[in-house]
Amino acid sequence: TPVDVLEGADEVRDDIDDPDEPEADPDDAHLITVLTRVGF
């Protein structure tokens, strides 16, 4: 059966943990606060 590349080939790829989100750049902290406040 084909390797379903367009779906990430999950059926044959070794299990790998989901990557954690990185810490935001301190220069962007204010923008992130504003966007979070308005619902993003």
All heavy atoms as atom14 arrays in JSON, in Angstrom:
{
  "sequence": "TPVDVLEGADEVRDDIDDPDEPEADPDDAHLITVLTRVGF",
  "atom14_mask": [
    [1, 1, 1, 1, 1, 1, 1, 0, 0, 0, 0, 0, 0, 0],
    [1, 1, 1, 1, 1, 1, 1, 0, 0, 0, 0, 0, 0, 0],
    [1, 1, 1, 1, 1, 1, 1, 0, 0, 0, 0, 0, 0, 0],
    [1, 1, 1, 1, 1, 1, 1, 1, 0, 0, 0, 0, 0, 0],
    [1, 1, 1, 1, 1, 1, 1, 0, 0, 0, 0, 0, 0, 0],
    [1, 1, 1, 1, 1, 1, 1, 1, 0, 0, 0, 0, 0, 0],
    [1, 1, 1, 1, 1, 1, 1, 1, 1, 0, 0, 0, 0, 0],
    [1, 1, 1, 1, 0, 0, 0, 0, 0, 0, 0, 0, 0, 0],
    [1, 1, 1, 1, 1, 0, 0, 0, 0, 0, 0, 0, 0, 0],
    [1, 1, 1, 1, 1, 1, 1, 1, 0, 0, 0, 0, 0, 0],
    [1, 1, 1, 1, 1, 1, 1, 1, 1, 0, 0, 0, 0, 0],
    [1, 1, 1, 1, 1, 1, 1, 0, 0, 0, 0, 0, 0, 0],
    [1, 1, 1, 1, 1, 1, 1, 1, 1, 1, 1, 0, 0, 0],
    [1, 1, 1, 1, 1, 1, 1, 1, 0, 0, 0, 0, 0, 0],
    [1, 1, 1, 1, 1, 1, 1, 1, 0, 0, 0, 0, 0, 0],
    [1, 1, 1, 1, 1, 1, 1, 1, 0, 0, 0, 0, 0, 0],
    [1, 1, 1, 1, 1, 1, 1, 1, 0, 0, 0, 0, 0, 0],
    [1, 1, 1, 1, 1, 1, 1, 1, 0, 0, 0, 0, 0, 0],
    [1, 1, 1, 1, 1, 1, 1, 0, 0, 0, 0, 0, 0, 0],
    [1, 1, 1, 1, 1, 1, 1, 1, 0, 0, 0, 0, 0, 0],
    [1, 1, 1, 1, 1, 1, 1, 1, 1, 0, 0, 0, 0, 0],
    [1, 1, 1, 1, 1, 1, 1, 0, 0, 0, 0, 0, 0, 0],
    [1, 1, 1, 1, 1, 1, 1, 1, 1, 0, 0, 0, 0, 0],
    [1, 1, 1, 1, 1, 0, 0, 0, 0, 0, 0, 0, 0, 0],
    [1, 1, 1, 1, 1, 1, 1, 1, 0, 0, 0, 0, 0, 0],
    [1, 1, 1, 1, 1, 1, 1, 0, 0, 0, 0, 0, 0, 0],
    [1, 1, 1, 1, 1, 1, 1, 1, 0, 0, 0, 0, 0, 0],
    [1, 1, 1, 1, 1, 1, 1, 1, 0, 0, 0, 0, 0, 0],
    [1, 1, 1, 1, 1, 0, 0, 0, 0, 0, 0, 0, 0, 0],
    [1, 1, 1, 1, 1, 1, 1, 1, 1, 1, 0, 0, 0, 0],
    [1, 1, 1, 1, 1, 1, 1, 1, 0, 0, 0, 0, 0, 0],
    [1, 1, 1, 1, 1, 1, 1, 1, 0, 0, 0, 0, 0, 0],
    [1, 1, 1, 1, 1, 1, 1, 0, 0, 0, 0, 0, 0, 0],
    [1, 1, 1, 1, 1, 1, 1, 0, 0, 0, 0, 0, 0, 0],
    [1, 1, 1, 1, 1, 1, 1, 1, 0, 0, 0, 0, 0, 0],
    [1, 1, 1, 1, 1, 1, 1, 0, 0, 0, 0, 0, 0, 0],
    [1, 1, 1, 1, 1, 1, 1, 1, 1, 1, 1, 0, 0, 0],
    [1, 1, 1, 1, 1, 1, 1, 0, 0, 0, 0, 0, 0, 0],
    [1, 1, 1, 1, 0, 0, 0, 0, 0, 0, 0, 0, 0, 0],
    [1, 1, 1, 1, 1, 1, 1, 1, 1, 1, 1, 0, 0, 0]
  ],
  "atom14_positions": [
    [[0.85, -1.19, 0.0], [0.0, 0.0, 0.0], [0.89, 1.24, 0.0], [1.96, 1.24, 0.59], [-0.94, 0.03, 1.21], [-0.17, 0.04, 2.42], [-1.85, -1.19, 1.21], [0.0, 0.0, 0.0], [0.0, 0.0, 0.0], [0.0, 0.0, 0.0], [0.0, 0.0, 0.0], [0.0, 0.0, 0.0], [0.0, 0.0, 0.0], [0.0, 0.0, 0.0]],
    [[0.45, 2.31, -0.66], [1.3, 3.5, -0.78], [1.55, 4.17, 0.57], [0.76, 4.04, 1.51], [0.49, 4.42, -1.7], [-0.5, 3.54, -2.38], [-0.81, 2.44, -1.42], [0.0, 0.0, 0.0], [0.0, 0.0, 0.0], [0.0, 0.0, 0.0], [0.0, 0.0, 0.0], [0.0, 0.0, 0.0], [0.0, 0.0, 0.0], [0.0, 0.0, 0.0]],
    [[2.65, 4.89, 0.63], [2.93, 5.76, 1.77], [2.17, 7.06, 1.56], [2.37, 7.75, 0.55], [4.44, 6.05, 1.9], [4.7, 6.97, 3.09], [5.23, 4.75, 2.04], [0.0, 0.0, 0.0], [0.0, 0.0, 0.0], [0.0, 0.0, 0.0], [0.0, 0.0, 0.0], [0.0, 0.0, 0.0], [0.0, 0.0, 0.0], [0.0, 0.0, 0.0]],
    [[1.27, 7.38, 2.47], [0.4, 8.55, 2.3], [1.14, 9.81, 2.75], [0.94, 10.32, 3.85], [-0.89, 8.37, 3.1], [-1.98, 9.34, 2.65], [-1.65, 10.29, 1.9], [-3.15, 9.17, 3.04], [0.0, 0.0, 0.0], [0.0, 0.0, 0.0], [0.0, 0.0, 0.0], [0.0, 0.0, 0.0], [0.0, 0.0, 0.0], [0.0, 0.0, 0.0]],
    [[2.0, 10.29, 1.87], [2.86, 11.42, 2.21], [2.04, 12.66, 2.54], [2.37, 13.42, 3.48], [3.82, 11.73, 1.03], [4.59, 13.01, 1.29], [4.77, 10.57, 0.81], [0.0, 0.0, 0.0], [0.0, 0.0, 0.0], [0.0, 0.0, 0.0], [0.0, 0.0, 0.0], [0.0, 0.0, 0.0], [0.0, 0.0, 0.0], [0.0, 0.0, 0.0]],
    [[0.96, 12.9, 1.82], [0.2, 14.13, 2.01], [-0.55, 14.15, 3.34], [-1.05, 15.19, 3.76], [-0.78, 14.32, 0.85], [-0.13, 14.53, -0.52], [-1.18, 14.74, -1.59], [0.83, 15.7, -0.49], [0.0, 0.0, 0.0], [0.0, 0.0, 0.0], [0.0, 0.0, 0.0], [0.0, 0.0, 0.0], [0.0, 0.0, 0.0], [0.0, 0.0, 0.0]],
    [[-0.61, 13.02, 4.01], [-1.18, 12.97, 5.36], [-0.08, 12.83, 6.4], [-0.35, 12.48, 7.55], [-2.17, 11.81, 5.47], [-3.43, 11.98, 4.63], [-4.25, 13.19, 5.03], [-4.28, 13.52, 6.23], [-4.85, 13.81, 4.14], [0.0, 0.0, 0.0], [0.0, 0.0, 0.0], [0.0, 0.0, 0.0], [0.0, 0.0, 0.0], [0.0, 0.0, 0.0]],
    [[1.16, 13.08, 5.99], [2.26, 13.03, 6.94], [2.9, 11.67, 7.09], [3.8, 11.5, 7.92], [0.0, 0.0, 0.0], [0.0, 0.0, 0.0], [0.0, 0.0, 0.0], [0.0, 0.0, 0.0], [0.0, 0.0, 0.0], [0.0, 0.0, 0.0], [0.0, 0.0, 0.0], [0.0, 0.0, 0.0], [0.0, 0.0, 0.0], [0.0, 0.0, 0.0]],
    [[2.41, 10.67, 6.32], [2.96, 9.3, 6.38], [2.9, 8.74, 7.79], [3.78, 8.0, 8.23], [4.39, 9.29, 5.85], [0.0, 0.0, 0.0], [0.0, 0.0, 0.0], [0.0, 0.0, 0.0], [0.0, 0.0, 0.0], [0.0, 0.0, 0.0], [0.0, 0.0, 0.0], [0.0, 0.0, 0.0], [0.0, 0.0, 0.0], [0.0, 0.0, 0.0]],
    [[1.82, 9.07, 8.52], [1.71, 8.63, 9.92], [1.7, 7.12, 10.07], [2.11, 6.59, 11.1], [0.43, 9.2, 10.55], [0.51, 10.71, 10.74], [1.64, 11.23, 10.77], [-0.55, 11.36, 10.87], [0.0, 0.0, 0.0], [0.0, 0.0, 0.0], [0.0, 0.0, 0.0], [0.0, 0.0, 0.0], [0.0, 0.0, 0.0], [0.0, 0.0, 0.0]],
    [[1.23, 6.43, 9.02], [1.08, 4.97, 9.15], [2.41, 4.24, 9.19], [2.48, 3.09, 9.63], [0.2, 4.42, 8.01], [0.86, 4.37, 6.64], [0.85, 5.7, 5.9], [0.5, 6.73, 6.52], [1.2, 5.7, 4.71], [0.0, 0.0, 0.0], [0.0, 0.0, 0.0], [0.0, 0.0, 0.0], [0.0, 0.0, 0.0], [0.0, 0.0, 0.0]],
    [[3.48, 4.89, 8.74], [4.78, 4.23, 8.73], [5.86, 5.02, 9.48], [6.95, 4.52, 9.69], [5.27, 3.97, 7.28], [4.31, 3.05, 6.55], [5.44, 5.28, 6.51], [0.0, 0.0, 0.0], [0.0, 0.0, 0.0], [0.0, 0.0, 0.0], [0.0, 0.0, 0.0], [0.0, 0.0, 0.0], [0.0, 0.0, 0.0], [0.0, 0.0, 0.0]],
    [[5.54, 6.22, 9.88], [6.52, 7.05, 10.58], [6.65, 6.6, 12.03], [5.66, 6.26, 12.68], [6.07, 8.51, 10.55], [7.08, 9.51, 11.09], [6.48, 10.9, 11.13], [5.42, 10.99, 12.12], [4.59, 12.01, 12.24], [4.68, 13.02, 11.41], [3.66, 12.02, 13.16], [0.0, 0.0, 0.0], [0.0, 0.0, 0.0], [0.0, 0.0, 0.0]],
    [[7.86, 6.59, 12.53], [8.06, 6.29, 13.94], [7.32, 7.3, 14.79], [7.23, 8.49, 14.45], [9.56, 6.34, 14.3], [10.32, 5.14, 13.75], [9.67, 4.14, 13.41], [11.55, 5.22, 13.66], [0.0, 0.0, 0.0], [0.0, 0.0, 0.0], [0.0, 0.0, 0.0], [0.0, 0.0, 0.0], [0.0, 0.0, 0.0], [0.0, 0.0, 0.0]],
    [[6.78, 6.82, 15.93], [6.11, 7.73, 16.85], [7.1, 8.78, 17.34], [8.25, 8.47, 17.68], [5.55, 6.96, 18.05], [4.36, 6.1, 17.67], [3.71, 6.42, 16.67], [4.08, 5.12, 18.39], [0.0, 0.0, 0.0], [0.0, 0.0, 0.0], [0.0, 0.0, 0.0], [0.0, 0.0, 0.0], [0.0, 0.0, 0.0], [0.0, 0.0, 0.0]],
    [[6.66, 10.0, 17.35], [7.51, 11.09, 17.8], [6.64, 12.08, 18.57], [5.5, 12.35, 18.18], [8.23, 11.77, 16.61], [9.26, 12.77, 17.1], [7.26, 12.4, 15.65], [10.22, 13.21, 16.01], [0.0, 0.0, 0.0], [0.0, 0.0, 0.0], [0.0, 0.0, 0.0], [0.0, 0.0, 0.0], [0.0, 0.0, 0.0], [0.0, 0.0, 0.0]],
    [[7.14, 12.57, 19.68], [6.34, 13.45, 20.52], [6.04, 14.75, 19.78], [6.85, 15.26, 19.0], [7.09, 13.78, 21.81], [7.24, 12.55, 22.71], [6.42, 11.63, 22.57], [8.18, 12.54, 23.53], [0.0, 0.0, 0.0], [0.0, 0.0, 0.0], [0.0, 0.0, 0.0], [0.0, 0.0, 0.0], [0.0, 0.0, 0.0], [0.0, 0.0, 0.0]],
    [[4.85, 15.3, 20.05], [4.5, 16.59, 19.49], [5.43, 17.66, 20.05], [5.7, 17.67, 21.26], [3.05, 16.97, 19.81], [2.05, 16.09, 19.08], [2.41, 15.56, 18.01], [0.92, 15.93, 19.58], [0.0, 0.0, 0.0], [0.0, 0.0, 0.0], [0.0, 0.0, 0.0], [0.0, 0.0, 0.0], [0.0, 0.0, 0.0], [0.0, 0.0, 0.0]],
    [[5.95, 18.55, 19.21], [6.88, 19.56, 19.7], [6.19, 20.61, 20.55], [5.05, 21.01, 20.27], [7.44, 20.18, 18.41], [6.37, 19.96, 17.4], [5.71, 18.65, 17.76], [0.0, 0.0, 0.0], [0.0, 0.0, 0.0], [0.0, 0.0, 0.0], [0.0, 0.0, 0.0], [0.0, 0.0, 0.0], [0.0, 0.0, 0.0], [0.0, 0.0, 0.0]],
    [[6.84, 21.04, 21.61], [6.32, 22.11, 22.44], [6.43, 23.44, 21.72], [7.33, 23.66, 20.91], [7.09, 22.19, 23.77], [6.91, 20.94, 24.62], [5.84, 20.3, 24.52], [7.84, 20.61, 25.38], [0.0, 0.0, 0.0], [0.0, 0.0, 0.0], [0.0, 0.0, 0.0], [0.0, 0.0, 0.0], [0.0, 0.0, 0.0], [0.0, 0.0, 0.0]],
    [[5.49, 24.33, 22.02], [5.59, 25.67, 21.45], [6.77, 26.4, 22.07], [7.05, 26.26, 23.26], [4.3, 26.46, 21.7], [3.16, 26.05, 20.8], [2.03, 27.08, 20.81], [2.09, 28.03, 21.63], [1.1, 26.93, 20.01], [0.0, 0.0, 0.0], [0.0, 0.0, 0.0], [0.0, 0.0, 0.0], [0.0, 0.0, 0.0], [0.0, 0.0, 0.0]],
    [[7.47, 27.2, 21.27], [8.61, 27.95, 21.83], [8.15, 29.13, 22.66], [6.99, 29.57, 22.56], [9.34, 28.42, 20.57], [8.25, 28.58, 19.55], [7.26, 27.47, 19.84], [0.0, 0.0, 0.0], [0.0, 0.0, 0.0], [0.0, 0.0, 0.0], [0.0, 0.0, 0.0], [0.0, 0.0, 0.0], [0.0, 0.0, 0.0], [0.0, 0.0, 0.0]],
    [[9.05, 29.63, 23.47], [8.78, 30.87, 24.18], [8.77, 32.03, 23.18], [9.56, 32.06, 22.24], [9.86, 31.12, 25.23], [9.86, 30.1, 26.37], [8.64, 30.21, 27.26], [8.1, 31.34, 27.36], [8.22, 29.19, 27.83], [0.0, 0.0, 0.0], [0.0, 0.0, 0.0], [0.0, 0.0, 0.0], [0.0, 0.0, 0.0], [0.0, 0.0, 0.0]],
    [[7.86, 32.96, 23.39], [7.78, 34.11, 22.49], [8.98, 35.02, 22.7], [9.56, 35.09, 23.79], [6.49, 34.88, 22.75], [0.0, 0.0, 0.0], [0.0, 0.0, 0.0], [0.0, 0.0, 0.0], [0.0, 0.0, 0.0], [0.0, 0.0, 0.0], [0.0, 0.0, 0.0], [0.0, 0.0, 0.0], [0.0, 0.0, 0.0], [0.0, 0.0, 0.0]],
    [[9.36, 35.71, 21.63], [10.39, 36.73, 21.72], [9.93, 37.8, 22.72], [8.79, 38.29, 22.61], [10.6, 37.35, 20.34], [11.78, 38.3, 20.29], [11.99, 39.05, 21.26], [12.5, 38.31, 19.26], [0.0, 0.0, 0.0], [0.0, 0.0, 0.0], [0.0, 0.0, 0.0], [0.0, 0.0, 0.0], [0.0, 0.0, 0.0], [0.0, 0.0, 0.0]],
    [[10.75, 38.18, 23.68], [10.33, 39.22, 24.64], [9.85, 40.5, 23.97], [8.97, 41.18, 24.5], [11.6, 39.45, 25.47], [12.36, 38.17, 25.37], [12.08, 37.64, 23.99], [0.0, 0.0, 0.0], [0.0, 0.0, 0.0], [0.0, 0.0, 0.0], [0.0, 0.0, 0.0], [0.0, 0.0, 0.0], [0.0, 0.0, 0.0], [0.0, 0.0, 0.0]],
    [[10.4, 40.82, 22.8], [9.97, 42.04, 22.09], [8.54, 41.93, 21.6], [7.91, 42.96, 21.3], [10.89, 42.3, 20.89], [12.29, 42.73, 21.32], [12.45, 43.14, 22.49], [13.21, 42.64, 20.49], [0.0, 0.0, 0.0], [0.0, 0.0, 0.0], [0.0, 0.0, 0.0], [0.0, 0.0, 0.0], [0.0, 0.0, 0.0], [0.0, 0.0, 0.0]],
    [[8.03, 40.71, 21.51], [6.66, 40.5, 21.0], [5.65, 40.27, 22.12], [4.47, 40.04, 21.85], [6.63, 39.31, 20.05], [7.54, 39.5, 18.85], [7.58, 40.63, 18.34], [8.23, 38.54, 18.46], [0.0, 0.0, 0.0], [0.0, 0.0, 0.0], [0.0, 0.0, 0.0], [0.0, 0.0, 0.0], [0.0, 0.0, 0.0], [0.0, 0.0, 0.0]],
    [[6.09, 40.32, 23.37], [5.21, 39.99, 24.49], [3.99, 40.91, 24.53], [2.86, 40.47, 24.77], [5.98, 40.06, 25.81], [0.0, 0.0, 0.0], [0.0, 0.0, 0.0], [0.0, 0.0, 0.0], [0.0, 0.0, 0.0], [0.0, 0.0, 0.0], [0.0, 0.0, 0.0], [0.0, 0.0, 0.0], [0.0, 0.0, 0.0], [0.0, 0.0, 0.0]],
    [[4.21, 42.21, 24.29], [3.09, 43.15, 24.35], [2.07, 42.84, 23.26], [0.85, 42.83, 23.52], [3.6, 44.58, 24.2], [2.51, 45.61, 24.2], [1.84, 45.99, 25.35], [1.93, 46.3, 23.18], [0.92, 46.89, 25.05], [0.95, 47.1, 23.74], [0.0, 0.0, 0.0], [0.0, 0.0, 0.0], [0.0, 0.0, 0.0], [0.0, 0.0, 0.0]],
    [[2.54, 42.58, 22.05], [1.62, 42.26, 20.95], [0.83, 41.0, 21.26], [-0.38, 40.96, 21.03], [2.41, 42.09, 19.65], [1.61, 41.62, 18.43], [0.5, 42.6, 18.1], [2.53, 41.4, 17.24], [0.0, 0.0, 0.0], [0.0, 0.0, 0.0], [0.0, 0.0, 0.0], [0.0, 0.0, 0.0], [0.0, 0.0, 0.0], [0.0, 0.0, 0.0]],
    [[1.49, 39.99, 21.78], [0.79, 38.75, 22.12], [-0.27, 39.0, 23.18], [-1.39, 38.46, 23.12], [1.81, 37.69, 22.57], [2.66, 37.25, 21.37], [1.11, 36.48, 23.19], [3.81, 36.34, 21.73], [0.0, 0.0, 0.0], [0.0, 0.0, 0.0], [0.0, 0.0, 0.0], [0.0, 0.0, 0.0], [0.0, 0.0, 0.0], [0.0, 0.0, 0.0]],
    [[0.05, 39.85, 24.16], [-0.92, 40.2, 25.19], [-2.15, 40.86, 24.59], [-3.29, 40.52, 24.94], [-0.28, 41.13, 26.23], [0.81, 40.47, 26.86], [-1.29, 41.54, 27.3], [0.0, 0.0, 0.0], [0.0, 0.0, 0.0], [0.0, 0.0, 0.0], [0.0, 0.0, 0.0], [0.0, 0.0, 0.0], [0.0, 0.0, 0.0], [0.0, 0.0, 0.0]],
    [[-1.93, 41.79, 23.66], [-3.05, 42.49, 23.02], [-3.9, 41.52, 22.21], [-5.14, 41.52, 22.3], [-2.52, 43.64, 22.13], [-3.66, 44.22, 21.29], [-1.88, 44.71, 22.97], [0.0, 0.0, 0.0], [0.0, 0.0, 0.0], [0.0, 0.0, 0.0], [0.0, 0.0, 0.0], [0.0, 0.0, 0.0], [0.0, 0.0, 0.0], [0.0, 0.0, 0.0]],
    [[-3.26, 40.68, 21.4], [-4.01, 39.74, 20.58], [-4.79, 38.74, 21.43], [-5.92, 38.38, 21.11], [-3.05, 38.99, 19.64], [-2.43, 39.83, 18.52], [-1.37, 39.01, 17.78], [-3.49, 40.32, 17.55], [0.0, 0.0, 0.0], [0.0, 0.0, 0.0], [0.0, 0.0, 0.0], [0.0, 0.0, 0.0], [0.0, 0.0, 0.0], [0.0, 0.0, 0.0]],
    [[-4.2, 38.31, 22.52], [-4.89, 37.39, 23.43], [-6.09, 38.08, 24.05], [-7.17, 37.49, 24.19], [-3.93, 36.9, 24.52], [-2.8, 36.27, 23.9], [-4.62, 35.91, 25.44], [0.0, 0.0, 0.0], [0.0, 0.0, 0.0], [0.0, 0.0, 0.0], [0.0, 0.0, 0.0], [0.0, 0.0, 0.0], [0.0, 0.0, 0.0], [0.0, 0.0, 0.0]],
    [[-5.93, 39.35, 24.42], [-7.03, 40.11, 25.05], [-8.24, 40.22, 24.12], [-9.38, 40.14, 24.58], [-6.53, 41.5, 25.44], [-7.64, 42.44, 25.93], [-7.08, 43.78, 26.37], [-6.41, 44.49, 25.3], [-7.04, 45.17, 24.33], [-8.37, 45.19, 24.29], [-6.35, 45.81, 23.41], [0.0, 0.0, 0.0], [0.0, 0.0, 0.0], [0.0, 0.0, 0.0]],
    [[-8.0, 40.39, 22.83], [-9.14, 40.58, 21.92], [-9.68, 39.24, 21.4], [-10.59, 39.23, 20.56], [-8.77, 41.5, 20.73], [-8.34, 42.86, 21.24], [-7.69, 40.88, 19.85], [0.0, 0.0, 0.0], [0.0, 0.0, 0.0], [0.0, 0.0, 0.0], [0.0, 0.0, 0.0], [0.0, 0.0, 0.0], [0.0, 0.0, 0.0], [0.0, 0.0, 0.0]],
    [[-9.12, 38.13, 21.86], [-9.75, 36.84, 21.55], [-8.98, 35.92, 20.64], [-9.54, 34.95, 20.13], [0.0, 0.0, 0.0], [0.0, 0.0, 0.0], [0.0, 0.0, 0.0], [0.0, 0.0, 0.0], [0.0, 0.0, 0.0], [0.0, 0.0, 0.0], [0.0, 0.0, 0.0], [0.0, 0.0, 0.0], [0.0, 0.0, 0.0], [0.0, 0.0, 0.0]],
    [[-7.69, 36.18, 20.44], [-6.88, 35.3, 19.6], [-6.01, 34.38, 20.46], [-5.54, 34.78, 21.53], [-5.97, 36.1, 18.66], [-6.68, 36.69, 17.49], [-7.2, 37.98, 17.55], [-6.85, 35.96, 16.32], [-7.86, 38.53, 16.46], [-7.5, 36.51, 15.23], [-8.01, 37.79, 15.3], [0.0, 0.0, 0.0], [0.0, 0.0, 0.0], [0.0, 0.0, 0.0]]
  ]
}
